[in-house]
Every structure is written in C-alpha cells, then in structure tokens.
Amino acid sequence: MGRLVLNHSTNIEGLIPILQKLSLNINIKTITPAVISRVKGKSSKLIIRLSVKTINGYKAIARKGKTAQEVFISTDLSKDELKKIIDLYSLK
C-alpha cells in the first residue's frame, strides 16, 4: 500500500480521490501531486496521462479544463501496467 503526499493546498478538482484509490495498490510506493499550471488546450474531463520515466517511477500529467498538474508516482510497475491501473481508477 502506497502513501499519498498532500503537500499542496490546491489540486485539480477530482484528482485526489483517484490518487487515493491508486495509492491502495500494493505496487505503488508514493504518489506526490506537484506543480499546477495553465495550458492552452481544454479538456472537458479529468485525464491522467503518463509522461516520462523517473528514477523511482513515472511522472504523470493530470489535466482538466485549462489546468494541468504534474503527479510523481514511485513504483516498480512497468509503464503499461501502471497505465492500466490508472485507466481503471479514472473511469470509476
């Protein structure tokens, strides 16, 4: 079971419940939401997309509306396995 680090006072709406479910997976060590930024495109619903591999896992980008937020996920899972788990929790 992983740990969800809540060090920001603001997060994208609807992101934290998904990350809480994701942190319950035994293969996830730590999830850290990070920088929030404005983007040009517009996404009508919350989308979480894996971006790049990091030393401990992966960086994901969560987008909703004109806002994007980086999320760092520390795990030993492969990119495909992590993507399947994220997609599963994002749909609920």
PDB file of N, CA and C in Angstrom:
ATOM      1  N   MET A   1       0.850  -1.184   0.000  1.00  0.00           N
ATOM      2  CA  MET A   1       0.000   0.000   0.000  1.00  0.00           C
ATOM      3  C   MET A   1       0.887   1.235   0.000  1.00  0.00           C
ATOM      4  N   GLY A   2       0.569   2.169  -0.887  1.00  0.00           N
ATOM      5  CA  GLY A   2       1.383   3.366  -1.044  1.00  0.00           C
ATOM      6  C   GLY A   2       0.959   4.506  -0.145  1.00  0.00           C
ATOM      7  N   ARG A   3       1.701   5.590  -0.281  1.00  0.00           N
ATOM      8  CA  ARG A   3       1.454   6.788   0.528  1.00  0.00           C
ATOM      9  C   ARG A   3       1.158   7.934  -0.415  1.00  0.00           C
ATOM     10  N   LEU A   4       0.109   8.691  -0.125  1.00  0.00           N
ATOM     11  CA  LEU A   4      -0.259   9.869  -0.902  1.00  0.00           C
ATOM     12  C   LEU A   4       0.231  11.101  -0.153  1.00  0.00           C
ATOM     13  N   VAL A   5       1.136  11.852  -0.771  1.00  0.00           N
ATOM     14  CA  VAL A   5       1.707  13.052  -0.159  1.00  0.00           C
ATOM     15  C   VAL A   5       0.830  14.240  -0.540  1.00  0.00           C
ATOM     16  N   LEU A   6       0.222  14.873   0.448  1.00  0.00           N
ATOM     17  CA  LEU A   6      -0.645  16.035   0.196  1.00  0.00           C
ATOM     18  C   LEU A   6       0.055  17.293   0.690  1.00  0.00           C
ATOM     19  N   ASN A   7       1.012  17.795  -0.116  1.00  0.00           N
ATOM     20  CA  ASN A   7       1.775  18.961   0.317  1.00  0.00           C
ATOM     21  C   ASN A   7       1.317  20.252  -0.367  1.00  0.00           C
ATOM     22  N   HIS A   8       0.309  20.176  -1.232  1.00  0.00           N
ATOM     23  CA  HIS A   8      -0.234  21.374  -1.864  1.00  0.00           C
ATOM     24  C   HIS A   8      -1.603  21.664  -1.288  1.00  0.00           C
ATOM     25  N   SER A   9      -1.917  22.928  -1.172  1.00  0.00           N
ATOM     26  CA  SER A   9      -3.239  23.283  -0.665  1.00  0.00           C
ATOM     27  C   SER A   9      -4.284  23.199  -1.772  1.00  0.00           C
ATOM     28  N   THR A  10      -3.838  23.265  -3.039  1.00  0.00           N
ATOM     29  CA  THR A  10      -4.767  23.171  -4.151  1.00  0.00           C
ATOM     30  C   THR A  10      -4.360  22.035  -5.087  1.00  0.00           C
ATOM     31  N   ASN A  11      -5.355  21.362  -5.609  1.00  0.00           N
ATOM     32  CA  ASN A  11      -5.160  20.298  -6.571  1.00  0.00           C
ATOM     33  C   ASN A  11      -6.282  20.390  -7.592  1.00  0.00           C
ATOM     34  N   ILE A  12      -6.089  19.750  -8.727  1.00  0.00           N
ATOM     35  CA  ILE A  12      -7.147  19.725  -9.732  1.00  0.00           C
ATOM     36  C   ILE A  12      -8.368  19.025  -9.137  1.00  0.00           C
ATOM     37  N   GLU A  13      -9.531  19.560  -9.409  1.00  0.00           N
ATOM     38  CA  GLU A  13     -10.777  19.002  -8.890  1.00  0.00           C
ATOM     39  C   GLU A  13     -10.947  17.549  -9.336  1.00  0.00           C
ATOM     40  N   GLY A  14     -11.186  16.658  -8.379  1.00  0.00           N
ATOM     41  CA  GLY A  14     -11.410  15.248  -8.668  1.00  0.00           C
ATOM     42  C   GLY A  14     -10.149  14.400  -8.712  1.00  0.00           C
ATOM     43  N   LEU A  15      -8.982  15.013  -8.602  1.00  0.00           N
ATOM     44  CA  LEU A  15      -7.731  14.263  -8.696  1.00  0.00           C
ATOM     45  C   LEU A  15      -7.434  13.452  -7.442  1.00  0.00           C
ATOM     46  N   ILE A  16      -7.613  14.030  -6.274  1.00  0.00           N
ATOM     47  CA  ILE A  16      -7.240  13.377  -5.016  1.00  0.00           C
ATOM     48  C   ILE A  16      -7.998  12.063  -4.796  1.00  0.00           C
ATOM     49  N   PRO A  17      -9.312  11.970  -5.032  1.00  0.00           N
ATOM     50  CA  PRO A  17      -9.985  10.669  -4.852  1.00  0.00           C
ATOM     51  C   PRO A  17      -9.397   9.564  -5.743  1.00  0.00           C
ATOM     52  N   ILE A  18      -9.011   9.898  -6.959  1.00  0.00           N
ATOM     53  CA  ILE A  18      -8.402   8.913  -7.861  1.00  0.00           C
ATOM     54  C   ILE A  18      -7.040   8.497  -7.324  1.00  0.00           C
ATOM     55  N   LEU A  19      -6.249   9.473  -6.863  1.00  0.00           N
ATOM     56  CA  LEU A  19      -4.922   9.151  -6.329  1.00  0.00           C
ATOM     57  C   LEU A  19      -5.011   8.330  -5.050  1.00  0.00           C
ATOM     58  N   GLN A  20      -6.050   8.562  -4.244  1.00  0.00           N
ATOM     59  CA  GLN A  20      -6.230   7.777  -3.024  1.00  0.00           C
ATOM     60  C   GLN A  20      -6.495   6.311  -3.363  1.00  0.00           C
ATOM     61  N   LYS A  21      -7.328   6.078  -4.380  1.00  0.00           N
ATOM     62  CA  LYS A  21      -7.593   4.701  -4.818  1.00  0.00           C
ATOM     63  C   LYS A  21      -6.328   4.075  -5.383  1.00  0.00           C
ATOM     64  N   LEU A  22      -5.586   4.850  -6.148  1.00  0.00           N
ATOM     65  CA  LEU A  22      -4.350   4.369  -6.761  1.00  0.00           C
ATOM     66  C   LEU A  22      -3.317   3.998  -5.698  1.00  0.00           C
ATOM     67  N   SER A  23      -3.274   4.762  -4.614  1.00  0.00           N
ATOM     68  CA  SER A  23      -2.289   4.508  -3.554  1.00  0.00           C
ATOM     69  C   SER A  23      -2.575   3.213  -2.790  1.00  0.00           C
ATOM     70  N   LEU A  24      -3.770   2.667  -2.922  1.00  0.00           N
ATOM     71  CA  LEU A  24      -4.106   1.415  -2.256  1.00  0.00           C
ATOM     72  C   LEU A  24      -3.454   0.208  -2.937  1.00  0.00           C
ATOM     73  N   ASN A  25      -2.968   0.384  -4.158  1.00  0.00           N
ATOM     74  CA  ASN A  25      -2.305  -0.705  -4.880  1.00  0.00           C
ATOM     75  C   ASN A  25      -0.998  -1.048  -4.178  1.00  0.00           C
ATOM     76  N   ILE A  26      -0.749  -2.331  -4.003  1.00  0.00           N
ATOM     77  CA  ILE A  26       0.432  -2.800  -3.257  1.00  0.00           C
ATOM     78  C   ILE A  26       1.743  -2.451  -3.963  1.00  0.00           C
ATOM     79  N   ASN A  27       1.719  -2.243  -5.278  1.00  0.00           N
ATOM     80  CA  ASN A  27       2.939  -1.953  -6.040  1.00  0.00           C
ATOM     81  C   ASN A  27       3.280  -0.466  -6.094  1.00  0.00           C
ATOM     82  N   ILE A  28       2.417   0.388  -5.581  1.00  0.00           N
ATOM     83  CA  ILE A  28       2.649   1.828  -5.564  1.00  0.00           C
ATOM     84  C   ILE A  28       3.286   2.196  -4.227  1.00  0.00           C
ATOM     85  N   LYS A  29       4.410   2.911  -4.284  1.00  0.00           N
ATOM     86  CA  LYS A  29       5.101   3.298  -3.045  1.00  0.00           C
ATOM     87  C   LYS A  29       4.665   4.686  -2.582  1.00  0.00           C
ATOM     88  N   THR A  30       4.802   5.682  -3.458  1.00  0.00           N
ATOM     89  CA  THR A  30       4.466   7.062  -3.106  1.00  0.00           C
ATOM     90  C   THR A  30       3.844   7.771  -4.303  1.00  0.00           C
ATOM     91  N   ILE A  31       2.852   8.619  -4.036  1.00  0.00           N
ATOM     92  CA  ILE A  31       2.254   9.477  -5.059  1.00  0.00           C
ATOM     93  C   ILE A  31       2.346  10.912  -4.561  1.00  0.00           C
ATOM     94  N   THR A  32       2.963  11.769  -5.380  1.00  0.00           N
ATOM     95  CA  THR A  32       3.148  13.161  -4.986  1.00  0.00           C
ATOM     96  C   THR A  32       2.607  14.098  -6.056  1.00  0.00           C
ATOM     97  N   PRO A  33       1.461  14.760  -5.811  1.00  0.00           N
ATOM     98  CA  PRO A  33       0.997  15.800  -6.734  1.00  0.00           C
ATOM     99  C   PRO A  33       1.943  16.994  -6.645  1.00  0.00           C
ATOM    100  N   ALA A  34       2.246  17.607  -7.787  1.00  0.00           N
ATOM    101  CA  ALA A  34       3.238  18.685  -7.796  1.00  0.00           C
ATOM    102  C   ALA A  34       2.675  19.941  -8.463  1.00  0.00           C
ATOM    103  N   VAL A  35       3.455  20.538  -9.345  1.00  0.00           N
ATOM    104  CA  VAL A  35       3.188  21.859  -9.922  1.00  0.00           C
ATOM    105  C   VAL A  35       1.880  21.894 -10.721  1.00  0.00           C
ATOM    106  N   ILE A  36       1.102  22.938 -10.476  1.00  0.00           N
ATOM    107  CA  ILE A  36      -0.121  23.201 -11.244  1.00  0.00           C
ATOM    108  C   ILE A  36       0.192  24.319 -12.228  1.00  0.00           C
ATOM    109  N   SER A  37      -0.274  24.153 -13.465  1.00  0.00           N
ATOM    110  CA  SER A  37      -0.026  25.184 -14.478  1.00  0.00           C
ATOM    111  C   SER A  37      -1.237  25.328 -15.395  1.00  0.00           C
ATOM    112  N   ARG A  38      -1.253  26.432 -16.126  1.00  0.00           N
ATOM    113  CA  ARG A  38      -2.292  26.692 -17.120  1.00  0.00           C
ATOM    114  C   ARG A  38      -1.807  26.166 -18.461  1.00  0.00           C
ATOM    115  N   VAL A  39      -2.725  25.604 -19.255  1.00  0.00           N
ATOM    116  CA  VAL A  39      -2.372  25.085 -20.573  1.00  0.00           C
ATOM    117  C   VAL A  39      -3.287  25.687 -21.628  1.00  0.00           C
ATOM    118  N   LYS A  40      -2.856  25.617 -22.885  1.00  0.00           N
ATOM    119  CA  LYS A  40      -3.632  26.220 -23.967  1.00  0.00           C
ATOM    120  C   LYS A  40      -4.873  25.415 -24.317  1.00  0.00           C
ATOM    121  N   GLY A  41      -4.730  24.104 -24.397  1.00  0.00           N
ATOM    122  CA  GLY A  41      -5.868  23.262 -24.770  1.00  0.00           C
ATOM    123  C   GLY A  41      -6.891  23.183 -23.659  1.00  0.00           C
ATOM    124  N   LYS A  42      -8.033  22.559 -23.976  1.00  0.00           N
ATOM    125  CA  LYS A  42      -9.080  22.416 -22.977  1.00  0.00           C
ATOM    126  C   LYS A  42      -9.551  20.969 -22.952  1.00  0.00           C
ATOM    127  N   SER A  43      -9.588  20.392 -21.767  1.00  0.00           N
ATOM    128  CA  SER A  43     -10.036  19.014 -21.583  1.00  0.00           C
ATOM    129  C   SER A  43     -11.316  19.046 -20.757  1.00  0.00           C
ATOM    130  N   SER A  44     -12.386  18.461 -21.281  1.00  0.00           N
ATOM    131  CA  SER A  44     -13.676  18.547 -20.594  1.00  0.00           C
ATOM    132  C   SER A  44     -13.739  17.681 -19.336  1.00  0.00           C
ATOM    133  N   LYS A  45     -12.995  16.569 -19.315  1.00  0.00           N
ATOM    134  CA  LYS A  45     -12.992  15.717 -18.126  1.00  0.00           C
ATOM    135  C   LYS A  45     -11.566  15.516 -17.650  1.00  0.00           C
ATOM    136  N   LEU A  46     -11.417  14.974 -16.450  1.00  0.00           N
ATOM    137  CA  LEU A  46     -10.098  14.736 -15.866  1.00  0.00           C
ATOM    138  C   LEU A  46      -9.399  13.604 -16.606  1.00  0.00           C
ATOM    139  N   ILE A  47      -8.198  13.878 -17.100  1.00  0.00           N
ATOM    140  CA  ILE A  47      -7.396  12.892 -17.819  1.00  0.00           C
ATOM    141  C   ILE A  47      -6.041  12.791 -17.126  1.00  0.00           C
ATOM    142  N   ILE A  48      -5.594  11.563 -16.877  1.00  0.00           N
ATOM    143  CA  ILE A  48      -4.266  11.342 -16.309  1.00  0.00           C
ATOM    144  C   ILE A  48      -3.460  10.551 -17.327  1.00  0.00           C
ATOM    145  N   ARG A  49      -2.346  11.141 -17.758  1.00  0.00           N
ATOM    146  CA  ARG A  49      -1.514  10.536 -18.805  1.00  0.00           C
ATOM    147  C   ARG A  49      -0.096  10.394 -18.282  1.00  0.00           C
ATOM    148  N   LEU A  50       0.511   9.222 -18.500  1.00  0.00           N
ATOM    149  CA  LEU A  50       1.899   9.024 -18.092  1.00  0.00           C
ATOM    150  C   LEU A  50       2.804   9.789 -19.040  1.00  0.00           C
ATOM    151  N   SER A  51       3.800  10.459 -18.488  1.00  0.00           N
ATOM    152  CA  SER A  51       4.682  11.298 -19.280  1.00  0.00           C
ATOM    153  C   SER A  51       6.057  10.666 -19.451  1.00  0.00           C
ATOM    154  N   VAL A  52       6.916  10.760 -18.466  1.00  0.00           N
ATOM    155  CA  VAL A  52       8.290  10.260 -18.590  1.00  0.00           C
ATOM    156  C   VAL A  52       8.651   9.364 -17.409  1.00  0.00           C
ATOM    157  N   LYS A  53       9.648   8.516 -17.615  1.00  0.00           N
ATOM    158  CA  LYS A  53      10.165   7.663 -16.547  1.00  0.00           C
ATOM    159  C   LYS A  53      11.107   8.496 -15.681  1.00  0.00           C
ATOM    160  N   THR A  54      10.999   8.310 -14.371  1.00  0.00           N
ATOM    161  CA  THR A  54      11.893   8.984 -13.437  1.00  0.00           C
ATOM    162  C   THR A  54      12.758   7.921 -12.751  1.00  0.00           C
ATOM    163  N   ILE A  55      13.601   8.342 -11.850  1.00  0.00           N
ATOM    164  CA  ILE A  55      14.479   7.402 -11.152  1.00  0.00           C
ATOM    165  C   ILE A  55      13.665   6.355 -10.386  1.00  0.00           C
ATOM    166  N   ASN A  56      12.602   6.779  -9.710  1.00  0.00           N
ATOM    167  CA  ASN A  56      11.817   5.879  -8.857  1.00  0.00           C
ATOM    168  C   ASN A  56      10.529   5.385  -9.485  1.00  0.00           C
ATOM    169  N   GLY A  57      10.138   5.904 -10.625  1.00  0.00           N
ATOM    170  CA  GLY A  57       8.857   5.511 -11.207  1.00  0.00           C
ATOM    171  C   GLY A  57       8.542   6.323 -12.442  1.00  0.00           C
ATOM    172  N   TYR A  58       7.431   7.072 -12.384  1.00  0.00           N
ATOM    173  CA  TYR A  58       6.975   7.827 -13.547  1.00  0.00           C
ATOM    174  C   TYR A  58       6.411   9.183 -13.148  1.00  0.00           C
ATOM    175  N   LYS A  59       6.454  10.110 -14.109  1.00  0.00           N
ATOM    176  CA  LYS A  59       5.773  11.391 -13.951  1.00  0.00           C
ATOM    177  C   LYS A  59       4.512  11.305 -14.791  1.00  0.00           C
ATOM    178  N   ALA A  60       3.401  11.705 -14.218  1.00  0.00           N
ATOM    179  CA  ALA A  60       2.131  11.730 -14.933  1.00  0.00           C
ATOM    180  C   ALA A  60       1.651  13.175 -15.001  1.00  0.00           C
ATOM    181  N   ILE A  61       0.823  13.449 -15.984  1.00  0.00           N
ATOM    182  CA  ILE A  61       0.210  14.767 -16.129  1.00  0.00           C
ATOM    183  C   ILE A  61      -1.299  14.590 -16.001  1.00  0.00           C
ATOM    184  N   ALA A  62      -1.891  15.289 -15.043  1.00  0.00           N
ATOM    185  CA  ALA A  62      -3.347  15.291 -14.878  1.00  0.00           C
ATOM    186  C   ALA A  62      -3.876  16.586 -15.482  1.00  0.00           C
ATOM    187  N   ARG A  63      -4.900  16.484 -16.331  1.00  0.00           N
ATOM    188  CA  ARG A  63      -5.458  17.677 -16.971  1.00  0.00           C
ATOM    189  C   ARG A  63      -6.958  17.714 -16.820  1.00  0.00           C
ATOM    190  N   LYS A  64      -7.464  18.905 -16.567  1.00  0.00           N
ATOM    191  CA  LYS A  64      -8.906  19.155 -16.552  1.00  0.00           C
ATOM    192  C   LYS A  64      -9.115  20.619 -16.880  1.00  0.00           C
ATOM    193  N   GLY A  65      -9.963  20.872 -17.847  1.00  0.00           N
ATOM    194  CA  GLY A  65     -10.192  22.244 -18.289  1.00  0.00           C
ATOM    195  C   GLY A  65      -8.908  22.820 -18.860  1.00  0.00           C
ATOM    196  N   LYS A  66      -8.515  23.989 -18.401  1.00  0.00           N
ATOM    197  CA  LYS A  66      -7.282  24.630 -18.857  1.00  0.00           C
ATOM    198  C   LYS A  66      -6.170  24.515 -17.825  1.00  0.00           C
ATOM    199  N   THR A  67      -6.309  23.532 -16.922  1.00  0.00           N
ATOM    200  CA  THR A  67      -5.338  23.346 -15.848  1.00  0.00           C
ATOM    201  C   THR A  67      -4.651  21.994 -15.981  1.00  0.00           C
ATOM    202  N   ALA A  68      -3.349  21.968 -15.730  1.00  0.00           N
ATOM    203  CA  ALA A  68      -2.582  20.730 -15.726  1.00  0.00           C
ATOM    204  C   ALA A  68      -1.799  20.648 -14.421  1.00  0.00           C
ATOM    205  N   GLN A  69      -1.592  19.424 -13.937  1.00  0.00           N
ATOM    206  CA  GLN A  69      -0.828  19.224 -12.706  1.00  0.00           C
ATOM    207  C   GLN A  69       0.076  18.008 -12.876  1.00  0.00           C
ATOM    208  N   GLU A  70       1.326  18.166 -12.479  1.00  0.00           N
ATOM    209  CA  GLU A  70       2.265  17.048 -12.502  1.00  0.00           C
ATOM    210  C   GLU A  70       1.987  16.152 -11.304  1.00  0.00           C
ATOM    211  N   VAL A  71       2.121  14.845 -11.511  1.00  0.00           N
ATOM    212  CA  VAL A  71       1.964  13.877 -10.428  1.00  0.00           C
ATOM    213  C   VAL A  71       3.121  12.889 -10.540  1.00  0.00           C
ATOM    214  N   PHE A  72       3.900  12.758  -9.474  1.00  0.00           N
ATOM    215  CA  PHE A  72       5.024  11.825  -9.472  1.00  0.00           C
ATOM    216  C   PHE A  72       4.600  10.546  -8.757  1.00  0.00           C
ATOM    217  N   ILE A  73       4.802   9.407  -9.427  1.00  0.00           N
ATOM    218  CA  ILE A  73       4.385   8.115  -8.900  1.00  0.00           C
ATOM    219  C   ILE A  73       5.620   7.236  -8.747  1.00  0.00           C
ATOM    220  N   SER A  74       5.911   6.845  -7.521  1.00  0.00           N
ATOM    221  CA  SER A  74       7.045   5.969  -7.235  1.00  0.00           C
ATOM    222  C   SER A  74       6.539   4.530  -7.213  1.00  0.00           C
ATOM    223  N   THR A  75       7.036   3.702  -8.148  1.00  0.00           N
ATOM    224  CA  THR A  75       6.575   2.325  -8.281  1.00  0.00           C
ATOM    225  C   THR A  75       7.592   1.476  -9.031  1.00  0.00           C
ATOM    226  N   ASP A  76       7.464   0.164  -8.894  1.00  0.00           N
ATOM    227  CA  ASP A  76       8.282  -0.777  -9.651  1.00  0.00           C
ATOM    228  C   ASP A  76       7.522  -1.330 -10.856  1.00  0.00           C
ATOM    229  N   LEU A  77       6.274  -0.914 -11.041  1.00  0.00           N
ATOM    230  CA  LEU A  77       5.456  -1.388 -12.162  1.00  0.00           C
ATOM    231  C   LEU A  77       6.017  -0.892 -13.489  1.00  0.00           C
ATOM    232  N   SER A  78       5.717  -1.619 -14.562  1.00  0.00           N
ATOM    233  CA  SER A  78       6.079  -1.145 -15.898  1.00  0.00           C
ATOM    234  C   SER A  78       5.097  -0.048 -16.313  1.00  0.00           C
ATOM    235  N   LYS A  79       5.445   0.677 -17.351  1.00  0.00           N
ATOM    236  CA  LYS A  79       4.602   1.775 -17.815  1.00  0.00           C
ATOM    237  C   LYS A  79       3.221   1.265 -18.239  1.00  0.00           C
ATOM    238  N   ASP A  80       3.185   0.136 -18.941  1.00  0.00           N
ATOM    239  CA  ASP A  80       1.906  -0.429 -19.386  1.00  0.00           C
ATOM    240  C   ASP A  80       1.033  -0.871 -18.220  1.00  0.00           C
ATOM    241  N   GLU A  81       1.640  -1.509 -17.222  1.00  0.00           N
ATOM    242  CA  GLU A  81       0.882  -1.961 -16.052  1.00  0.00           C
ATOM    243  C   GLU A  81       0.316  -0.772 -15.284  1.00  0.00           C
ATOM    244  N   LEU A  82       1.133   0.266 -15.102  1.00  0.00           N
ATOM    245  CA  LEU A  82       0.686   1.458 -14.380  1.00  0.00           C
ATOM    246  C   LEU A  82      -0.415   2.173 -15.153  1.00  0.00           C
ATOM    247  N   LYS A  83      -0.282   2.240 -16.462  1.00  0.00           N
ATOM    248  CA  LYS A  83      -1.310   2.882 -17.300  1.00  0.00           C
ATOM    249  C   LYS A  83      -2.650   2.169 -17.160  1.00  0.00           C
ATOM    250  N   LYS A  84      -2.640   0.834 -17.140  1.00  0.00           N
ATOM    251  CA  LYS A  84      -3.874   0.061 -16.985  1.00  0.00           C
ATOM    252  C   LYS A  84      -4.535   0.363 -15.640  1.00  0.00           C
ATOM    253  N   ILE A  85      -3.741   0.445 -14.588  1.00  0.00           N
ATOM    254  CA  ILE A  85      -4.281   0.717 -13.247  1.00  0.00           C
ATOM    255  C   ILE A  85      -4.865   2.138 -13.189  1.00  0.00           C
ATOM    256  N   ILE A  86      -4.152   3.110 -13.750  1.00  0.00           N
ATOM    257  CA  ILE A  86      -4.644   4.495 -13.768  1.00  0.00           C
ATOM    258  C   ILE A  86      -5.944   4.593 -14.551  1.00  0.00           C
ATOM    259  N   ASP A  87      -5.999   3.944 -15.716  1.00  0.00           N
ATOM    260  CA  ASP A  87      -7.213   3.965 -16.531  1.00  0.00           C
ATOM    261  C   ASP A  87      -8.385   3.333 -15.795  1.00  0.00           C
ATOM    262  N   LEU A  88      -8.121   2.258 -15.057  1.00  0.00           N
ATOM    263  CA  LEU A  88      -9.173   1.578 -14.308  1.00  0.00           C
ATOM    264  C   LEU A  88      -9.783   2.497 -13.252  1.00  0.00           C
ATOM    265  N   TYR A  89      -8.937   3.209 -12.491  1.00  0.00           N
ATOM    266  CA  TYR A  89      -9.442   4.090 -11.442  1.00  0.00           C
ATOM    267  C   TYR A  89      -9.996   5.400 -11.985  1.00  0.00           C
ATOM    268  N   SER A  90      -9.539   5.846 -13.138  1.00  0.00           N
ATOM    269  CA  SER A  90     -10.033   7.089 -13.724  1.00  0.00           C
ATOM    270  C   SER A  90     -11.463   6.949 -14.229  1.00  0.00           C
ATOM    271  N   LEU A  91     -11.854   5.733 -14.622  1.00  0.00           N
ATOM    272  CA  LEU A  91     -13.190   5.512 -15.177  1.00  0.00           C
ATOM    273  C   LEU A  91     -14.272   5.452 -14.120  1.00  0.00           C
ATOM    274  N   LYS A  92     -13.906   5.124 -12.893  1.00  0.00           N
ATOM    275  CA  LYS A  92     -14.920   4.945 -11.837  1.00  0.00           C
ATOM    276  C   LYS A  92     -15.428   6.263 -11.338  1.00  0.00           C
TER     277      LYS A  92
END
